[in-house]
mmCIF file of all heavy atoms, coordinates in Angstrom:
data_MODEL
# 
_entry.id   MODEL 
# 
loop_
_atom_site.group_PDB 
_atom_site.id 
_atom_site.type_symbol 
_atom_site.label_atom_id 
_atom_site.label_alt_id 
_atom_site.label_comp_id 
_atom_site.label_asym_id 
_atom_site.label_entity_id 
_atom_site.label_seq_id 
_atom_site.pdbx_PDB_ins_code 
_atom_site.Cartn_x 
_atom_site.Cartn_y 
_atom_site.Cartn_z 
_atom_site.occupancy 
_atom_site.B_iso_or_equiv 
_atom_site.pdbx_formal_charge 
_atom_site.auth_seq_id 
_atom_site.auth_comp_id 
_atom_site.auth_asym_id 
_atom_site.auth_atom_id 
_atom_site.pdbx_PDB_model_num 
ATOM 1   N N   . LYS A 1 1  ? 1.940   -3.001  -5.108  1.00 0.00 ? 1  LYS A N   1 
ATOM 2   C CA  . LYS A 1 1  ? 3.143   -3.836  -4.991  1.00 0.00 ? 1  LYS A CA  1 
ATOM 3   C C   . LYS A 1 1  ? 4.400   -3.042  -5.354  1.00 0.00 ? 1  LYS A C   1 
ATOM 4   O O   . LYS A 1 1  ? 5.370   -3.009  -4.607  1.00 0.00 ? 1  LYS A O   1 
ATOM 5   C CB  . LYS A 1 1  ? 3.028   -5.066  -5.883  1.00 0.00 ? 1  LYS A CB  1 
ATOM 6   C CG  . LYS A 1 1  ? 4.221   -5.978  -5.798  1.00 0.00 ? 1  LYS A CG  1 
ATOM 7   C CD  . LYS A 1 1  ? 4.068   -7.177  -6.714  1.00 0.00 ? 1  LYS A CD  1 
ATOM 8   C CE  . LYS A 1 1  ? 5.329   -8.016  -6.604  1.00 0.00 ? 1  LYS A CE  1 
ATOM 9   N NZ  . LYS A 1 1  ? 5.480   -8.942  -7.665  1.00 0.00 ? 1  LYS A NZ  1 
ATOM 10  N N   . LYS A 1 2  ? 4.359   -2.371  -6.495  1.00 0.00 ? 2  LYS A N   1 
ATOM 11  C CA  . LYS A 1 2  ? 5.530   -1.612  -6.946  1.00 0.00 ? 2  LYS A CA  1 
ATOM 12  C C   . LYS A 1 2  ? 5.828   -0.463  -6.002  1.00 0.00 ? 2  LYS A C   1 
ATOM 13  O O   . LYS A 1 2  ? 6.976   -0.195  -5.665  1.00 0.00 ? 2  LYS A O   1 
ATOM 14  C CB  . LYS A 1 2  ? 5.315   -1.104  -8.370  1.00 0.00 ? 2  LYS A CB  1 
ATOM 15  C CG  . LYS A 1 2  ? 6.543   -0.484  -8.959  1.00 0.00 ? 2  LYS A CG  1 
ATOM 16  C CD  . LYS A 1 2  ? 6.453   -0.390  -10.455 1.00 0.00 ? 2  LYS A CD  1 
ATOM 17  C CE  . LYS A 1 2  ? 7.773   0.126   -10.977 1.00 0.00 ? 2  LYS A CE  1 
ATOM 18  N NZ  . LYS A 1 2  ? 8.154   -0.408  -12.235 1.00 0.00 ? 2  LYS A NZ  1 
ATOM 19  N N   . TYR A 1 3  ? 4.796   0.234   -5.559  1.00 0.00 ? 3  TYR A N   1 
ATOM 20  C CA  . TYR A 1 3  ? 4.978   1.368   -4.644  1.00 0.00 ? 3  TYR A CA  1 
ATOM 21  C C   . TYR A 1 3  ? 5.621   0.920   -3.334  1.00 0.00 ? 3  TYR A C   1 
ATOM 22  O O   . TYR A 1 3  ? 6.564   1.539   -2.852  1.00 0.00 ? 3  TYR A O   1 
ATOM 23  C CB  . TYR A 1 3  ? 3.636   2.047   -4.381  1.00 0.00 ? 3  TYR A CB  1 
ATOM 24  C CG  . TYR A 1 3  ? 3.733   3.218   -3.445  1.00 0.00 ? 3  TYR A CG  1 
ATOM 25  C CD1 . TYR A 1 3  ? 4.118   4.467   -3.913  1.00 0.00 ? 3  TYR A CD1 1 
ATOM 26  C CD2 . TYR A 1 3  ? 3.450   3.088   -2.093  1.00 0.00 ? 3  TYR A CD2 1 
ATOM 27  C CE1 . TYR A 1 3  ? 4.218   5.549   -3.064  1.00 0.00 ? 3  TYR A CE1 1 
ATOM 28  C CE2 . TYR A 1 3  ? 3.549   4.160   -1.236  1.00 0.00 ? 3  TYR A CE2 1 
ATOM 29  C CZ  . TYR A 1 3  ? 3.934   5.389   -1.726  1.00 0.00 ? 3  TYR A CZ  1 
ATOM 30  O OH  . TYR A 1 3  ? 4.037   6.460   -0.866  1.00 0.00 ? 3  TYR A OH  1 
ATOM 31  N N   . LEU A 1 4  ? 5.119   -0.158  -2.758  1.00 0.00 ? 4  LEU A N   1 
ATOM 32  C CA  . LEU A 1 4  ? 5.643   -0.622  -1.472  1.00 0.00 ? 4  LEU A CA  1 
ATOM 33  C C   . LEU A 1 4  ? 7.037   -1.231  -1.583  1.00 0.00 ? 4  LEU A C   1 
ATOM 34  O O   . LEU A 1 4  ? 7.820   -1.171  -0.640  1.00 0.00 ? 4  LEU A O   1 
ATOM 35  C CB  . LEU A 1 4  ? 4.679   -1.616  -0.832  1.00 0.00 ? 4  LEU A CB  1 
ATOM 36  C CG  . LEU A 1 4  ? 3.339   -1.039  -0.388  1.00 0.00 ? 4  LEU A CG  1 
ATOM 37  C CD1 . LEU A 1 4  ? 2.446   -2.132  0.169   1.00 0.00 ? 4  LEU A CD1 1 
ATOM 38  C CD2 . LEU A 1 4  ? 3.521   0.081   0.626   1.00 0.00 ? 4  LEU A CD2 1 
ATOM 39  N N   . GLU A 1 5  ? 7.356   -1.796  -2.731  1.00 0.00 ? 5  GLU A N   1 
ATOM 40  C CA  . GLU A 1 5  ? 8.676   -2.406  -2.901  1.00 0.00 ? 5  GLU A CA  1 
ATOM 41  C C   . GLU A 1 5  ? 9.749   -1.415  -3.317  1.00 0.00 ? 5  GLU A C   1 
ATOM 42  O O   . GLU A 1 5  ? 10.924  -1.634  -3.058  1.00 0.00 ? 5  GLU A O   1 
ATOM 43  C CB  . GLU A 1 5  ? 8.607   -3.523  -3.949  1.00 0.00 ? 5  GLU A CB  1 
ATOM 44  C CG  . GLU A 1 5  ? 7.890   -4.751  -3.467  1.00 0.00 ? 5  GLU A CG  1 
ATOM 45  C CD  . GLU A 1 5  ? 7.794   -5.826  -4.541  1.00 0.00 ? 5  GLU A CD  1 
ATOM 46  O OE1 . GLU A 1 5  ? 8.156   -5.567  -5.706  1.00 0.00 ? 5  GLU A OE1 1 
ATOM 47  O OE2 . GLU A 1 5  ? 7.337   -6.929  -4.200  1.00 0.00 ? 5  GLU A OE2 1 
ATOM 48  N N   . PHE A 1 6  ? 9.367   -0.330  -3.969  1.00 0.00 ? 6  PHE A N   1 
ATOM 49  C CA  . PHE A 1 6  ? 10.353  0.575   -4.557  1.00 0.00 ? 6  PHE A CA  1 
ATOM 50  C C   . PHE A 1 6  ? 11.240  1.249   -3.518  1.00 0.00 ? 6  PHE A C   1 
ATOM 51  O O   . PHE A 1 6  ? 12.453  1.184   -3.589  1.00 0.00 ? 6  PHE A O   1 
ATOM 52  C CB  . PHE A 1 6  ? 9.673   1.647   -5.409  1.00 0.00 ? 6  PHE A CB  1 
ATOM 53  C CG  . PHE A 1 6  ? 10.650  2.611   -6.031  1.00 0.00 ? 6  PHE A CG  1 
ATOM 54  C CD1 . PHE A 1 6  ? 11.412  2.232   -7.116  1.00 0.00 ? 6  PHE A CD1 1 
ATOM 55  C CD2 . PHE A 1 6  ? 10.818  3.885   -5.510  1.00 0.00 ? 6  PHE A CD2 1 
ATOM 56  C CE1 . PHE A 1 6  ? 12.318  3.098   -7.697  1.00 0.00 ? 6  PHE A CE1 1 
ATOM 57  C CE2 . PHE A 1 6  ? 11.723  4.757   -6.080  1.00 0.00 ? 6  PHE A CE2 1 
ATOM 58  C CZ  . PHE A 1 6  ? 12.473  4.368   -7.171  1.00 0.00 ? 6  PHE A CZ  1 
ATOM 59  N N   . ASN A 1 7  ? 10.627  1.908   -2.580  1.00 0.00 ? 7  ASN A N   1 
ATOM 60  C CA  . ASN A 1 7  ? 11.398  2.677   -1.603  1.00 0.00 ? 7  ASN A CA  1 
ATOM 61  C C   . ASN A 1 7  ? 11.049  2.188   -0.215  1.00 0.00 ? 7  ASN A C   1 
ATOM 62  O O   . ASN A 1 7  ? 10.180  2.725   0.449   1.00 0.00 ? 7  ASN A O   1 
ATOM 63  C CB  . ASN A 1 7  ? 11.103  4.170   -1.769  1.00 0.00 ? 7  ASN A CB  1 
ATOM 64  C CG  . ASN A 1 7  ? 12.033  5.032   -0.977  1.00 0.00 ? 7  ASN A CG  1 
ATOM 65  O OD1 . ASN A 1 7  ? 12.746  4.560   -0.099  1.00 0.00 ? 7  ASN A OD1 1 
ATOM 66  N ND2 . ASN A 1 7  ? 12.033  6.303   -1.266  1.00 0.00 ? 7  ASN A ND2 1 
ATOM 67  N N   . ARG A 1 8  ? 11.758  1.217   0.227   1.00 0.00 ? 8  ARG A N   1 
ATOM 68  C CA  . ARG A 1 8  ? 11.442  0.574   1.511   1.00 0.00 ? 8  ARG A CA  1 
ATOM 69  C C   . ARG A 1 8  ? 11.655  1.491   2.708   1.00 0.00 ? 8  ARG A C   1 
ATOM 70  O O   . ARG A 1 8  ? 11.122  1.262   3.767   1.00 0.00 ? 8  ARG A O   1 
ATOM 71  C CB  . ARG A 1 8  ? 12.237  -0.705  1.658   1.00 0.00 ? 8  ARG A CB  1 
ATOM 72  C CG  . ARG A 1 8  ? 11.871  -1.741  0.616   1.00 0.00 ? 8  ARG A CG  1 
ATOM 73  C CD  . ARG A 1 8  ? 12.605  -3.044  0.844   1.00 0.00 ? 8  ARG A CD  1 
ATOM 74  N NE  . ARG A 1 8  ? 12.386  -3.965  -0.249  1.00 0.00 ? 8  ARG A NE  1 
ATOM 75  C CZ  . ARG A 1 8  ? 11.346  -4.793  -0.325  1.00 0.00 ? 8  ARG A CZ  1 
ATOM 76  N NH1 . ARG A 1 8  ? 10.456  -4.811  0.613   1.00 0.00 ? 8  ARG A NH1 1 
ATOM 77  N NH2 . ARG A 1 8  ? 11.226  -5.591  -1.358  1.00 0.00 ? 8  ARG A NH2 1 
ATOM 78  N N   . GLY A 1 9  ? 12.430  2.552   2.550   1.00 0.00 ? 9  GLY A N   1 
ATOM 79  C CA  . GLY A 1 9  ? 12.687  3.470   3.651   1.00 0.00 ? 9  GLY A CA  1 
ATOM 80  C C   . GLY A 1 9  ? 11.726  4.641   3.710   1.00 0.00 ? 9  GLY A C   1 
ATOM 81  O O   . GLY A 1 9  ? 11.840  5.491   4.580   1.00 0.00 ? 9  GLY A O   1 
ATOM 82  N N   . LEU A 1 10 ? 10.773  4.698   2.799   1.00 0.00 ? 10 LEU A N   1 
ATOM 83  C CA  . LEU A 1 10 ? 9.854   5.821   2.715   1.00 0.00 ? 10 LEU A CA  1 
ATOM 84  C C   . LEU A 1 10 ? 8.868   5.810   3.891   1.00 0.00 ? 10 LEU A C   1 
ATOM 85  O O   . LEU A 1 10 ? 8.262   4.790   4.200   1.00 0.00 ? 10 LEU A O   1 
ATOM 86  C CB  . LEU A 1 10 ? 9.072   5.741   1.402   1.00 0.00 ? 10 LEU A CB  1 
ATOM 87  C CG  . LEU A 1 10 ? 8.047   6.828   1.125   1.00 0.00 ? 10 LEU A CG  1 
ATOM 88  C CD1 . LEU A 1 10 ? 8.746   8.158   0.891   1.00 0.00 ? 10 LEU A CD1 1 
ATOM 89  C CD2 . LEU A 1 10 ? 7.213   6.468   -0.079  1.00 0.00 ? 10 LEU A CD2 1 
ATOM 90  N N   . HIS A 1 11 ? 8.719   6.957   4.541   1.00 0.00 ? 11 HIS A N   1 
ATOM 91  C CA  . HIS A 1 11 ? 7.693   7.102   5.577   1.00 0.00 ? 11 HIS A CA  1 
ATOM 92  C C   . HIS A 1 11 ? 6.432   7.604   4.901   1.00 0.00 ? 11 HIS A C   1 
ATOM 93  O O   . HIS A 1 11 ? 6.456   8.609   4.202   1.00 0.00 ? 11 HIS A O   1 
ATOM 94  C CB  . HIS A 1 11 ? 8.140   8.084   6.662   1.00 0.00 ? 11 HIS A CB  1 
ATOM 95  C CG  . HIS A 1 11 ? 9.214   7.533   7.518   1.00 0.00 ? 11 HIS A CG  1 
ATOM 96  N ND1 . HIS A 1 11 ? 8.983   6.590   8.493   1.00 0.00 ? 11 HIS A ND1 1 
ATOM 97  C CD2 . HIS A 1 11 ? 10.543  7.759   7.533   1.00 0.00 ? 11 HIS A CD2 1 
ATOM 98  C CE1 . HIS A 1 11 ? 10.119  6.269   9.075   1.00 0.00 ? 11 HIS A CE1 1 
ATOM 99  N NE2 . HIS A 1 11 ? 11.090  6.968   8.499   1.00 0.00 ? 11 HIS A NE2 1 
ATOM 100 N N   . MET A 1 12 ? 5.354   6.910   5.109   1.00 0.00 ? 12 MET A N   1 
ATOM 101 C CA  . MET A 1 12 ? 4.103   7.229   4.424   1.00 0.00 ? 12 MET A CA  1 
ATOM 102 C C   . MET A 1 12 ? 3.234   8.153   5.268   1.00 0.00 ? 12 MET A C   1 
ATOM 103 O O   . MET A 1 12 ? 3.064   7.914   6.457   1.00 0.00 ? 12 MET A O   1 
ATOM 104 C CB  . MET A 1 12 ? 3.334   5.943   4.146   1.00 0.00 ? 12 MET A CB  1 
ATOM 105 C CG  . MET A 1 12 ? 4.057   4.982   3.237   1.00 0.00 ? 12 MET A CG  1 
ATOM 106 S SD  . MET A 1 12 ? 3.166   3.426   3.044   1.00 0.00 ? 12 MET A SD  1 
ATOM 107 C CE  . MET A 1 12 ? 1.759   3.977   2.095   1.00 0.00 ? 12 MET A CE  1 
ATOM 108 N N   . GLN A 1 13 ? 2.683   9.175   4.640   1.00 0.00 ? 13 GLN A N   1 
ATOM 109 C CA  . GLN A 1 13 ? 1.740   10.033  5.338   1.00 0.00 ? 13 GLN A CA  1 
ATOM 110 C C   . GLN A 1 13 ? 0.332   9.453   5.281   1.00 0.00 ? 13 GLN A C   1 
ATOM 111 O O   . GLN A 1 13 ? -0.408  9.540   6.245   1.00 0.00 ? 13 GLN A O   1 
ATOM 112 C CB  . GLN A 1 13 ? 1.756   11.437  4.749   1.00 0.00 ? 13 GLN A CB  1 
ATOM 113 C CG  . GLN A 1 13 ? 2.988   12.217  5.110   1.00 0.00 ? 13 GLN A CG  1 
ATOM 114 C CD  . GLN A 1 13 ? 2.934   13.630  4.580   1.00 0.00 ? 13 GLN A CD  1 
ATOM 115 O OE1 . GLN A 1 13 ? 1.949   14.070  3.994   1.00 0.00 ? 13 GLN A OE1 1 
ATOM 116 N NE2 . GLN A 1 13 ? 4.008   14.361  4.784   1.00 0.00 ? 13 GLN A NE2 1 
ATOM 117 N N   . TYR A 1 14 ? -0.026  8.868   4.132   1.00 0.00 ? 14 TYR A N   1 
ATOM 118 C CA  . TYR A 1 14 ? -1.371  8.314   4.017   1.00 0.00 ? 14 TYR A CA  1 
ATOM 119 C C   . TYR A 1 14 ? -1.370  7.066   3.137   1.00 0.00 ? 14 TYR A C   1 
ATOM 120 O O   . TYR A 1 14 ? -0.525  6.897   2.268   1.00 0.00 ? 14 TYR A O   1 
ATOM 121 C CB  . TYR A 1 14 ? -2.357  9.349   3.466   1.00 0.00 ? 14 TYR A CB  1 
ATOM 122 C CG  . TYR A 1 14 ? -1.986  9.893   2.104   1.00 0.00 ? 14 TYR A CG  1 
ATOM 123 C CD1 . TYR A 1 14 ? -2.439  9.278   0.955   1.00 0.00 ? 14 TYR A CD1 1 
ATOM 124 C CD2 . TYR A 1 14 ? -1.188  11.023  1.977   1.00 0.00 ? 14 TYR A CD2 1 
ATOM 125 C CE1 . TYR A 1 14 ? -2.089  9.763   -0.301  1.00 0.00 ? 14 TYR A CE1 1 
ATOM 126 C CE2 . TYR A 1 14 ? -0.838  11.522  0.736   1.00 0.00 ? 14 TYR A CE2 1 
ATOM 127 C CZ  . TYR A 1 14 ? -1.293  10.886  -0.403  1.00 0.00 ? 14 TYR A CZ  1 
ATOM 128 O OH  . TYR A 1 14 ? -0.941  11.367  -1.633  1.00 0.00 ? 14 TYR A OH  1 
ATOM 129 N N   . PHE A 1 15 ? -2.327  6.216   3.419   1.00 0.00 ? 15 PHE A N   1 
ATOM 130 C CA  . PHE A 1 15 ? -2.549  5.006   2.624   1.00 0.00 ? 15 PHE A CA  1 
ATOM 131 C C   . PHE A 1 15 ? -4.047  4.767   2.623   1.00 0.00 ? 15 PHE A C   1 
ATOM 132 O O   . PHE A 1 15 ? -4.651  4.546   3.677   1.00 0.00 ? 15 PHE A O   1 
ATOM 133 C CB  . PHE A 1 15 ? -1.798  3.820   3.234   1.00 0.00 ? 15 PHE A CB  1 
ATOM 134 C CG  . PHE A 1 15 ? -1.813  2.575   2.382   1.00 0.00 ? 15 PHE A CG  1 
ATOM 135 C CD1 . PHE A 1 15 ? -1.382  2.590   1.073   1.00 0.00 ? 15 PHE A CD1 1 
ATOM 136 C CD2 . PHE A 1 15 ? -2.249  1.372   2.912   1.00 0.00 ? 15 PHE A CD2 1 
ATOM 137 C CE1 . PHE A 1 15 ? -1.386  1.440   0.290   1.00 0.00 ? 15 PHE A CE1 1 
ATOM 138 C CE2 . PHE A 1 15 ? -2.249  0.212   2.148   1.00 0.00 ? 15 PHE A CE2 1 
ATOM 139 C CZ  . PHE A 1 15 ? -1.820  0.251   0.833   1.00 0.00 ? 15 PHE A CZ  1 
ATOM 140 N N   . LYS A 1 16 ? -4.670  4.877   1.440   1.00 0.00 ? 16 LYS A N   1 
ATOM 141 C CA  . LYS A 1 16 ? -6.115  4.749   1.311   1.00 0.00 ? 16 LYS A CA  1 
ATOM 142 C C   . LYS A 1 16 ? -6.418  3.660   0.296   1.00 0.00 ? 16 LYS A C   1 
ATOM 143 O O   . LYS A 1 16 ? -5.976  3.748   -0.855  1.00 0.00 ? 16 LYS A O   1 
ATOM 144 C CB  . LYS A 1 16 ? -6.727  6.072   0.839   1.00 0.00 ? 16 LYS A CB  1 
ATOM 145 C CG  . LYS A 1 16 ? -6.464  7.223   1.794   1.00 0.00 ? 16 LYS A CG  1 
ATOM 146 C CD  . LYS A 1 16 ? -7.013  8.515   1.247   1.00 0.00 ? 16 LYS A CD  1 
ATOM 147 C CE  . LYS A 1 16 ? -6.702  9.657   2.182   1.00 0.00 ? 16 LYS A CE  1 
ATOM 148 N NZ  . LYS A 1 16 ? -7.278  10.917  1.689   1.00 0.00 ? 16 LYS A NZ  1 
ATOM 149 N N   . VAL A 1 17 ? -7.162  2.644   0.718   1.00 0.00 ? 17 VAL A N   1 
ATOM 150 C CA  . VAL A 1 17 ? -7.473  1.530   -0.176  1.00 0.00 ? 17 VAL A CA  1 
ATOM 151 C C   . VAL A 1 17 ? -8.910  1.078   -0.002  1.00 0.00 ? 17 VAL A C   1 
ATOM 152 O O   . VAL A 1 17 ? -9.505  1.228   1.053   1.00 0.00 ? 17 VAL A O   1 
ATOM 153 C CB  . VAL A 1 17 ? -6.534  0.316   0.059   1.00 0.00 ? 17 VAL A CB  1 
ATOM 154 C CG1 . VAL A 1 17 ? -5.132  0.626   -0.390  1.00 0.00 ? 17 VAL A CG1 1 
ATOM 155 C CG2 . VAL A 1 17 ? -6.545  -0.133  1.495   1.00 0.00 ? 17 VAL A CG2 1 
ATOM 156 N N   . TYR A 1 18 ? -9.450  0.519   -1.077  1.00 0.00 ? 18 TYR A N   1 
ATOM 157 C CA  . TYR A 1 18 ? -10.759 -0.126  -1.058  1.00 0.00 ? 18 TYR A CA  1 
ATOM 158 C C   . TYR A 1 18 ? -10.607 -1.479  -1.733  1.00 0.00 ? 18 TYR A C   1 
ATOM 159 O O   . TYR A 1 18 ? -10.071 -1.567  -2.840  1.00 0.00 ? 18 TYR A O   1 
ATOM 160 C CB  . TYR A 1 18 ? -11.809 0.694   -1.822  1.00 0.00 ? 18 TYR A CB  1 
ATOM 161 C CG  . TYR A 1 18 ? -13.090 -0.075  -1.997  1.00 0.00 ? 18 TYR A CG  1 
ATOM 162 C CD1 . TYR A 1 18 ? -14.029 -0.107  -0.982  1.00 0.00 ? 18 TYR A CD1 1 
ATOM 163 C CD2 . TYR A 1 18 ? -13.336 -0.819  -3.148  1.00 0.00 ? 18 TYR A CD2 1 
ATOM 164 C CE1 . TYR A 1 18 ? -15.191 -0.853  -1.119  1.00 0.00 ? 18 TYR A CE1 1 
ATOM 165 C CE2 . TYR A 1 18 ? -14.490 -1.553  -3.297  1.00 0.00 ? 18 TYR A CE2 1 
ATOM 166 C CZ  . TYR A 1 18 ? -15.409 -1.578  -2.276  1.00 0.00 ? 18 TYR A CZ  1 
ATOM 167 O OH  . TYR A 1 18 ? -16.544 -2.316  -2.401  1.00 0.00 ? 18 TYR A OH  1 
ATOM 168 N N   . TYR A 1 19 ? -11.063 -2.534  -1.070  1.00 0.00 ? 19 TYR A N   1 
ATOM 169 C CA  . TYR A 1 19 ? -11.002 -3.870  -1.654  1.00 0.00 ? 19 TYR A CA  1 
ATOM 170 C C   . TYR A 1 19 ? -12.217 -4.671  -1.255  1.00 0.00 ? 19 TYR A C   1 
ATOM 171 O O   . TYR A 1 19 ? -12.851 -4.403  -0.245  1.00 0.00 ? 19 TYR A O   1 
ATOM 172 C CB  . TYR A 1 19 ? -9.726  -4.599  -1.237  1.00 0.00 ? 19 TYR A CB  1 
ATOM 173 C CG  . TYR A 1 19 ? -8.540  -4.110  -2.014  1.00 0.00 ? 19 TYR A CG  1 
ATOM 174 C CD1 . TYR A 1 19 ? -7.669  -3.194  -1.469  1.00 0.00 ? 19 TYR A CD1 1 
ATOM 175 C CD2 . TYR A 1 19 ? -8.320  -4.529  -3.319  1.00 0.00 ? 19 TYR A CD2 1 
ATOM 176 C CE1 . TYR A 1 19 ? -6.595  -2.713  -2.201  1.00 0.00 ? 19 TYR A CE1 1 
ATOM 177 C CE2 . TYR A 1 19 ? -7.258  -4.057  -4.054  1.00 0.00 ? 19 TYR A CE2 1 
ATOM 178 C CZ  . TYR A 1 19 ? -6.395  -3.144  -3.490  1.00 0.00 ? 19 TYR A CZ  1 
ATOM 179 O OH  . TYR A 1 19 ? -5.353  -2.667  -4.220  1.00 0.00 ? 19 TYR A OH  1 
ATOM 180 N N   . ASP A 1 20 ? -12.494 -5.709  -2.059  1.00 0.00 ? 20 ASP A N   1 
ATOM 181 C CA  . ASP A 1 20 ? -13.645 -6.562  -1.785  1.00 0.00 ? 20 ASP A CA  1 
ATOM 182 C C   . ASP A 1 20 ? -13.298 -7.618  -0.736  1.00 0.00 ? 20 ASP A C   1 
ATOM 183 O O   . ASP A 1 20 ? -12.169 -7.715  -0.273  1.00 0.00 ? 20 ASP A O   1 
ATOM 184 C CB  . ASP A 1 20 ? -14.191 -7.198  -3.062  1.00 0.00 ? 20 ASP A CB  1 
ATOM 185 C CG  . ASP A 1 20 ? -13.237 -8.211  -3.679  1.00 0.00 ? 20 ASP A CG  1 
ATOM 186 O OD1 . ASP A 1 20 ? -12.214 -8.560  -3.050  1.00 0.00 ? 20 ASP A OD1 1 
ATOM 187 O OD2 . ASP A 1 20 ? -13.509 -8.660  -4.798  1.00 0.00 ? 20 ASP A OD2 1 
ATOM 188 N N   . ASP A 1 21 ? -14.289 -8.408  -0.375  1.00 0.00 ? 21 ASP A N   1 
ATOM 189 C CA  . ASP A 1 21 ? -14.127 -9.410  0.681   1.00 0.00 ? 21 ASP A CA  1 
ATOM 190 C C   . ASP A 1 21 ? -13.016 -10.412 0.392   1.00 0.00 ? 21 ASP A C   1 
ATOM 191 O O   . ASP A 1 21 ? -12.239 -10.758 1.279   1.00 0.00 ? 21 ASP A O   1 
ATOM 192 C CB  . ASP A 1 21 ? -15.433 -10.184 0.895   1.00 0.00 ? 21 ASP A CB  1 
ATOM 193 C CG  . ASP A 1 21 ? -16.542 -9.282  1.410   1.00 0.00 ? 21 ASP A CG  1 
ATOM 194 O OD1 . ASP A 1 21 ? -16.228 -8.183  1.900   1.00 0.00 ? 21 ASP A OD1 1 
ATOM 195 O OD2 . ASP A 1 21 ? -17.710 -9.675  1.300   1.00 0.00 ? 21 ASP A OD2 1 
ATOM 196 N N   . ASP A 1 22 ? -12.939 -10.886 -0.829  1.00 0.00 ? 22 ASP A N   1 
ATOM 197 C CA  . ASP A 1 22 ? -11.934 -11.891 -1.169  1.00 0.00 ? 22 ASP A CA  1 
ATOM 198 C C   . ASP A 1 22 ? -10.517 -11.339 -1.022  1.00 0.00 ? 22 ASP A C   1 
ATOM 199 O O   . ASP A 1 22 ? -9.612  -12.029 -0.569  1.00 0.00 ? 22 ASP A O   1 
ATOM 200 C CB  . ASP A 1 22 ? -12.138 -12.411 -2.595  1.00 0.00 ? 22 ASP A CB  1 
ATOM 201 C CG  . ASP A 1 22 ? -13.442 -13.178 -2.731  1.00 0.00 ? 22 ASP A CG  1 
ATOM 202 O OD1 . ASP A 1 22 ? -13.907 -13.735 -1.715  1.00 0.00 ? 22 ASP A OD1 1 
ATOM 203 O OD2 . ASP A 1 22 ? -13.993 -13.212 -3.838  1.00 0.00 ? 22 ASP A OD2 1 
ATOM 204 N N   . THR A 1 23 ? -10.309 -10.103 -1.395  1.00 0.00 ? 23 THR A N   1 
ATOM 205 C CA  . THR A 1 23 ? -8.989  -9.492  -1.296  1.00 0.00 ? 23 THR A CA  1 
ATOM 206 C C   . THR A 1 23 ? -8.609  -9.282  0.158   1.00 0.00 ? 23 THR A C   1 
ATOM 207 O O   . THR A 1 23 ? -7.460  -9.470  0.545   1.00 0.00 ? 23 THR A O   1 
ATOM 208 C CB  . THR A 1 23 ? -8.954  -8.146  -2.054  1.00 0.00 ? 23 THR A CB  1 
ATOM 209 O OG1 . THR A 1 23 ? -9.407  -8.368  -3.381  1.00 0.00 ? 23 THR A OG1 1 
ATOM 210 C CG2 . THR A 1 23 ? -7.556  -7.576  -2.087  1.00 0.00 ? 23 THR A CG2 1 
ATOM 211 N N   . VAL A 1 24 ? -9.557  -8.861  0.987   1.00 0.00 ? 24 VAL A N   1 
ATOM 212 C CA  . VAL A 1 24 ? -9.277  -8.622  2.403   1.00 0.00 ? 24 VAL A CA  1 
ATOM 213 C C   . VAL A 1 24 ? -8.781  -9.893  3.084   1.00 0.00 ? 24 VAL A C   1 
ATOM 214 O O   . VAL A 1 24 ? -7.922  -9.844  3.953   1.00 0.00 ? 24 VAL A O   1 
ATOM 215 C CB  . VAL A 1 24 ? -10.533 -8.079  3.123   1.00 0.00 ? 24 VAL A CB  1 
ATOM 216 C CG1 . VAL A 1 24 ? -10.350 -8.086  4.627   1.00 0.00 ? 24 VAL A CG1 1 
ATOM 217 C CG2 . VAL A 1 24 ? -10.845 -6.682  2.633   1.00 0.00 ? 24 VAL A CG2 1 
# 
């Protein structure tokens, strides 16, 4: 949340996440 909200103009090279069924 903080990362995505902090710099809204940032171009991301990578985004790697793991979450369970409920989160998805």
